[in-house]
Amino acid sequence: MSQPSADRRLFVALWPTTPTLRRIEALQVRLPAVGRRVAIANIHLTLAFLGKVSPERAAECDRALSRVRVPAFRLSLDRIGTWRRSRVLWLSTRQETESIQQLADEVRKKLADAGFPRESRPFRTHVTLARKVDRRPPVLRFQPIDWPVDRFFLTVSDLHPAGARYSNIREWTLS
């Protein structure tokens, strides 16, 4: 992992495969304009948010995440919903899989073991499709979106006036 010279905003995420991303994009464009759509290049599923991390701590994070051992699995994204309070429109699963929860738990545990603060919010499987949602969209029928999950990433978030830009700085393959 390259060593940045300043603190960086980091998070651990799943990034969809190209076919999965195309299906999510096709669904996203079918949704009525109810908020500010997330750019397709930013579509991901966050496992853990670390916030600002120094270069030294980023190296510790890298070592901690290298110890995550979880088998590859598949997600079936088949549900759209909103969170009124945070004004987010999301895509998720009707039935939470044990595999995604196991991965999120393992990532969070390894980070906590390395001294990173434990996330206070429980993990919820979701892909953010839009922010600043002003109303719930009408019910939209769609075929479940299959997402083969065989890797996870350490991602840096750079904030810009036009919005966040994400770059993956490290990836790990699931067994």
Protein backbone atom coordinates (compact mmCIF):
# COMPACT_ATOMS: atom_id res chain seq x y z
CA MET A 1 0.00 0.00 0.00
CA SER A 2 1.42 3.40 -0.91
CA GLN A 3 1.93 5.72 2.04
CA PRO A 4 0.11 9.05 1.73
CA SER A 5 1.76 12.04 3.42
CA ALA A 6 -1.36 13.36 5.18
CA ASP A 7 -4.45 12.02 6.94
CA ARG A 8 -7.01 10.56 4.56
CA ARG A 9 -10.70 9.67 4.95
CA LEU A 10 -10.88 5.88 4.69
CA PHE A 11 -13.59 3.27 4.57
CA VAL A 12 -13.85 -0.45 3.83
CA ALA A 13 -16.26 -1.36 1.05
CA LEU A 14 -17.55 -3.80 -1.50
CA TRP A 15 -17.49 -2.54 -5.09
CA PRO A 16 -19.82 -4.24 -7.58
CA THR A 17 -18.55 -6.19 -10.55
CA THR A 18 -19.15 -4.53 -13.93
CA PRO A 19 -22.25 -6.64 -14.77
CA THR A 20 -23.71 -5.96 -11.32
CA LEU A 21 -22.98 -2.25 -11.64
CA ARG A 22 -24.71 -2.13 -15.04
CA ARG A 23 -27.84 -3.72 -13.53
CA ILE A 24 -27.80 -1.26 -10.62
CA GLU A 25 -27.41 1.64 -13.06
CA ALA A 26 -30.32 0.37 -15.20
CA LEU A 27 -32.47 0.25 -12.06
CA GLN A 28 -31.29 3.65 -10.86
CA VAL A 29 -32.29 5.39 -14.12
CA ARG A 30 -35.78 3.84 -13.91
CA LEU A 31 -36.36 5.52 -10.55
CA PRO A 32 -38.19 8.84 -10.60
CA ALA A 33 -36.17 11.88 -9.53
CA VAL A 34 -36.78 11.95 -5.78
CA GLY A 35 -33.35 13.21 -4.72
CA ARG A 36 -29.77 13.62 -5.85
CA ARG A 37 -28.64 10.40 -7.53
CA VAL A 38 -25.33 8.90 -6.50
CA ALA A 39 -22.89 8.91 -9.43
CA ILE A 40 -22.60 5.42 -10.87
CA ALA A 41 -18.83 5.50 -10.29
CA ASN A 42 -19.53 5.91 -6.55
CA ILE A 43 -21.92 2.97 -6.13
CA HIS A 44 -20.59 0.71 -3.36
CA LEU A 45 -21.55 -1.01 -0.12
CA THR A 46 -19.75 0.27 3.00
CA LEU A 47 -18.63 -2.34 5.53
CA ALA A 48 -16.89 0.06 7.93
CA PHE A 49 -16.16 3.80 7.98
CA LEU A 50 -12.85 4.82 9.54
CA GLY A 51 -12.85 8.60 9.02
CA LYS A 52 -9.55 10.50 8.95
CA VAL A 53 -6.61 8.15 9.30
CA SER A 54 -2.90 9.04 9.50
CA PRO A 55 -0.40 7.27 7.23
CA GLU A 56 0.90 5.25 10.17
CA ARG A 57 -2.57 4.15 11.19
CA ALA A 58 -3.40 3.37 7.54
CA ALA A 59 -0.55 0.85 7.56
CA GLU A 60 -2.00 -0.70 10.75
CA CYS A 61 -5.40 -0.80 9.08
CA ASP A 62 -3.87 -2.61 6.11
CA ARG A 63 -2.30 -5.22 8.40
CA ALA A 64 -5.56 -5.71 10.32
CA LEU A 65 -7.65 -6.16 7.19
CA SER A 66 -5.12 -8.64 5.80
CA ARG A 67 -6.20 -10.99 8.62
CA VAL A 68 -9.88 -11.10 7.52
CA ARG A 69 -10.82 -14.64 6.48
CA VAL A 70 -14.32 -15.04 5.09
CA PRO A 71 -15.50 -17.19 2.15
CA ALA A 72 -16.76 -15.59 -1.06
CA PHE A 73 -20.56 -15.34 -1.35
CA ARG A 74 -23.42 -13.85 -3.37
CA LEU A 75 -25.86 -11.09 -2.55
CA SER A 76 -29.30 -10.77 -4.09
CA LEU A 77 -30.29 -7.10 -4.17
CA ASP A 78 -34.07 -7.22 -4.34
CA ARG A 79 -35.46 -4.38 -2.21
CA ILE A 80 -35.60 -0.59 -2.48
CA GLY A 81 -36.34 1.60 0.51
CA THR A 82 -35.72 4.96 2.12
CA TRP A 83 -34.53 6.27 5.43
CA ARG A 84 -36.52 9.43 6.10
CA ARG A 85 -34.26 10.84 8.76
CA SER A 86 -31.08 10.66 6.67
CA ARG A 87 -33.04 11.18 3.44
CA VAL A 88 -31.38 8.25 1.67
CA LEU A 89 -32.83 5.99 -1.03
CA TRP A 90 -31.20 2.56 -0.88
CA LEU A 91 -31.04 -0.84 -2.52
CA SER A 92 -30.73 -3.90 -0.28
CA THR A 93 -31.72 -7.50 0.34
CA ARG A 94 -35.06 -8.72 1.65
CA GLN A 95 -33.31 -11.40 3.64
CA GLU A 96 -30.01 -10.52 5.27
CA THR A 97 -27.45 -13.18 4.46
CA GLU A 98 -25.24 -14.62 7.13
CA SER A 99 -22.25 -14.16 4.81
CA ILE A 100 -22.44 -10.37 4.48
CA GLN A 101 -22.97 -10.01 8.21
CA GLN A 102 -20.00 -12.31 8.87
CA LEU A 103 -17.79 -10.20 6.58
CA ALA A 104 -18.88 -6.91 8.15
CA ASP A 105 -18.41 -8.32 11.66
CA GLU A 106 -14.97 -9.71 10.83
CA VAL A 107 -13.81 -6.43 9.23
CA ARG A 108 -15.05 -4.42 12.21
CA LYS A 109 -13.53 -6.86 14.72
CA LYS A 110 -10.09 -6.86 13.07
CA LEU A 111 -10.12 -3.05 12.95
CA ALA A 112 -11.19 -2.83 16.62
CA ASP A 113 -8.45 -5.33 17.58
CA ALA A 114 -5.97 -2.94 15.90
CA GLY A 115 -7.25 -0.06 18.04
CA PHE A 116 -9.62 1.60 15.59
CA PRO A 117 -12.88 2.86 17.14
CA ARG A 118 -15.72 0.39 16.84
CA GLU A 119 -18.63 1.65 14.74
CA SER A 120 -21.56 2.62 16.93
CA ARG A 121 -24.18 1.97 14.27
CA PRO A 122 -25.15 -1.61 13.50
CA PHE A 123 -24.24 -2.84 10.03
CA ARG A 124 -27.08 -2.66 7.50
CA THR A 125 -26.64 -4.08 4.02
CA HIS A 126 -27.41 -1.26 1.60
CA VAL A 127 -26.23 0.50 -1.52
CA THR A 128 -27.09 4.21 -1.55
CA LEU A 129 -28.83 5.16 -4.81
CA ALA A 130 -29.79 8.76 -3.96
CA ARG A 131 -29.34 11.35 -1.23
CA LYS A 132 -31.43 14.33 -0.14
CA VAL A 133 -34.54 12.32 -0.97
CA ASP A 134 -37.65 14.46 -0.56
CA ARG A 135 -40.25 11.69 -0.99
CA ARG A 136 -40.51 7.93 -1.21
CA PRO A 137 -40.52 6.66 -4.80
CA PRO A 138 -43.45 4.62 -6.06
CA VAL A 139 -43.11 0.84 -5.82
CA LEU A 140 -40.88 -0.37 -8.62
CA ARG A 141 -40.84 -4.00 -9.68
CA PHE A 142 -37.49 -5.36 -10.81
CA GLN A 143 -35.58 -8.60 -11.11
CA PRO A 144 -33.21 -9.23 -8.21
CA ILE A 145 -29.67 -8.11 -8.93
CA ASP A 146 -27.10 -10.83 -8.35
CA TRP A 147 -23.83 -9.59 -6.84
CA PRO A 148 -20.98 -12.11 -6.56
CA VAL A 149 -18.78 -10.91 -3.69
CA ASP A 150 -15.23 -12.23 -3.82
CA ARG A 151 -13.19 -9.24 -2.61
CA PHE A 152 -13.32 -6.17 -0.42
CA PHE A 153 -11.45 -2.88 -0.58
CA LEU A 154 -9.87 -0.14 1.49
CA THR A 155 -11.08 3.07 -0.13
CA VAL A 156 -10.09 6.71 0.26
CA SER A 157 -12.74 9.42 0.04
CA ASP A 158 -11.62 12.80 -1.27
CA LEU A 159 -14.19 15.54 -0.76
CA HIS A 160 -14.65 18.07 -3.57
CA PRO A 161 -17.25 20.79 -4.18
CA ALA A 162 -18.89 18.57 -6.82
CA GLY A 163 -19.04 15.63 -4.41
CA ALA A 164 -16.87 12.83 -3.07
CA ARG A 165 -14.41 10.96 -5.25
CA TYR A 166 -13.43 7.48 -4.23
CA SER A 167 -10.23 5.56 -4.98
CA ASN A 168 -9.49 2.01 -3.94
CA ILE A 169 -6.03 1.85 -2.39
CA ARG A 170 -5.95 -1.84 -1.45
CA GLU A 171 -8.01 -4.96 -2.08
CA TRP A 172 -8.27 -8.37 -0.49
CA THR A 173 -9.69 -11.54 -2.02
CA LEU A 174 -12.18 -13.60 -0.05
CA SER A 175 -11.37 -17.30 0.24
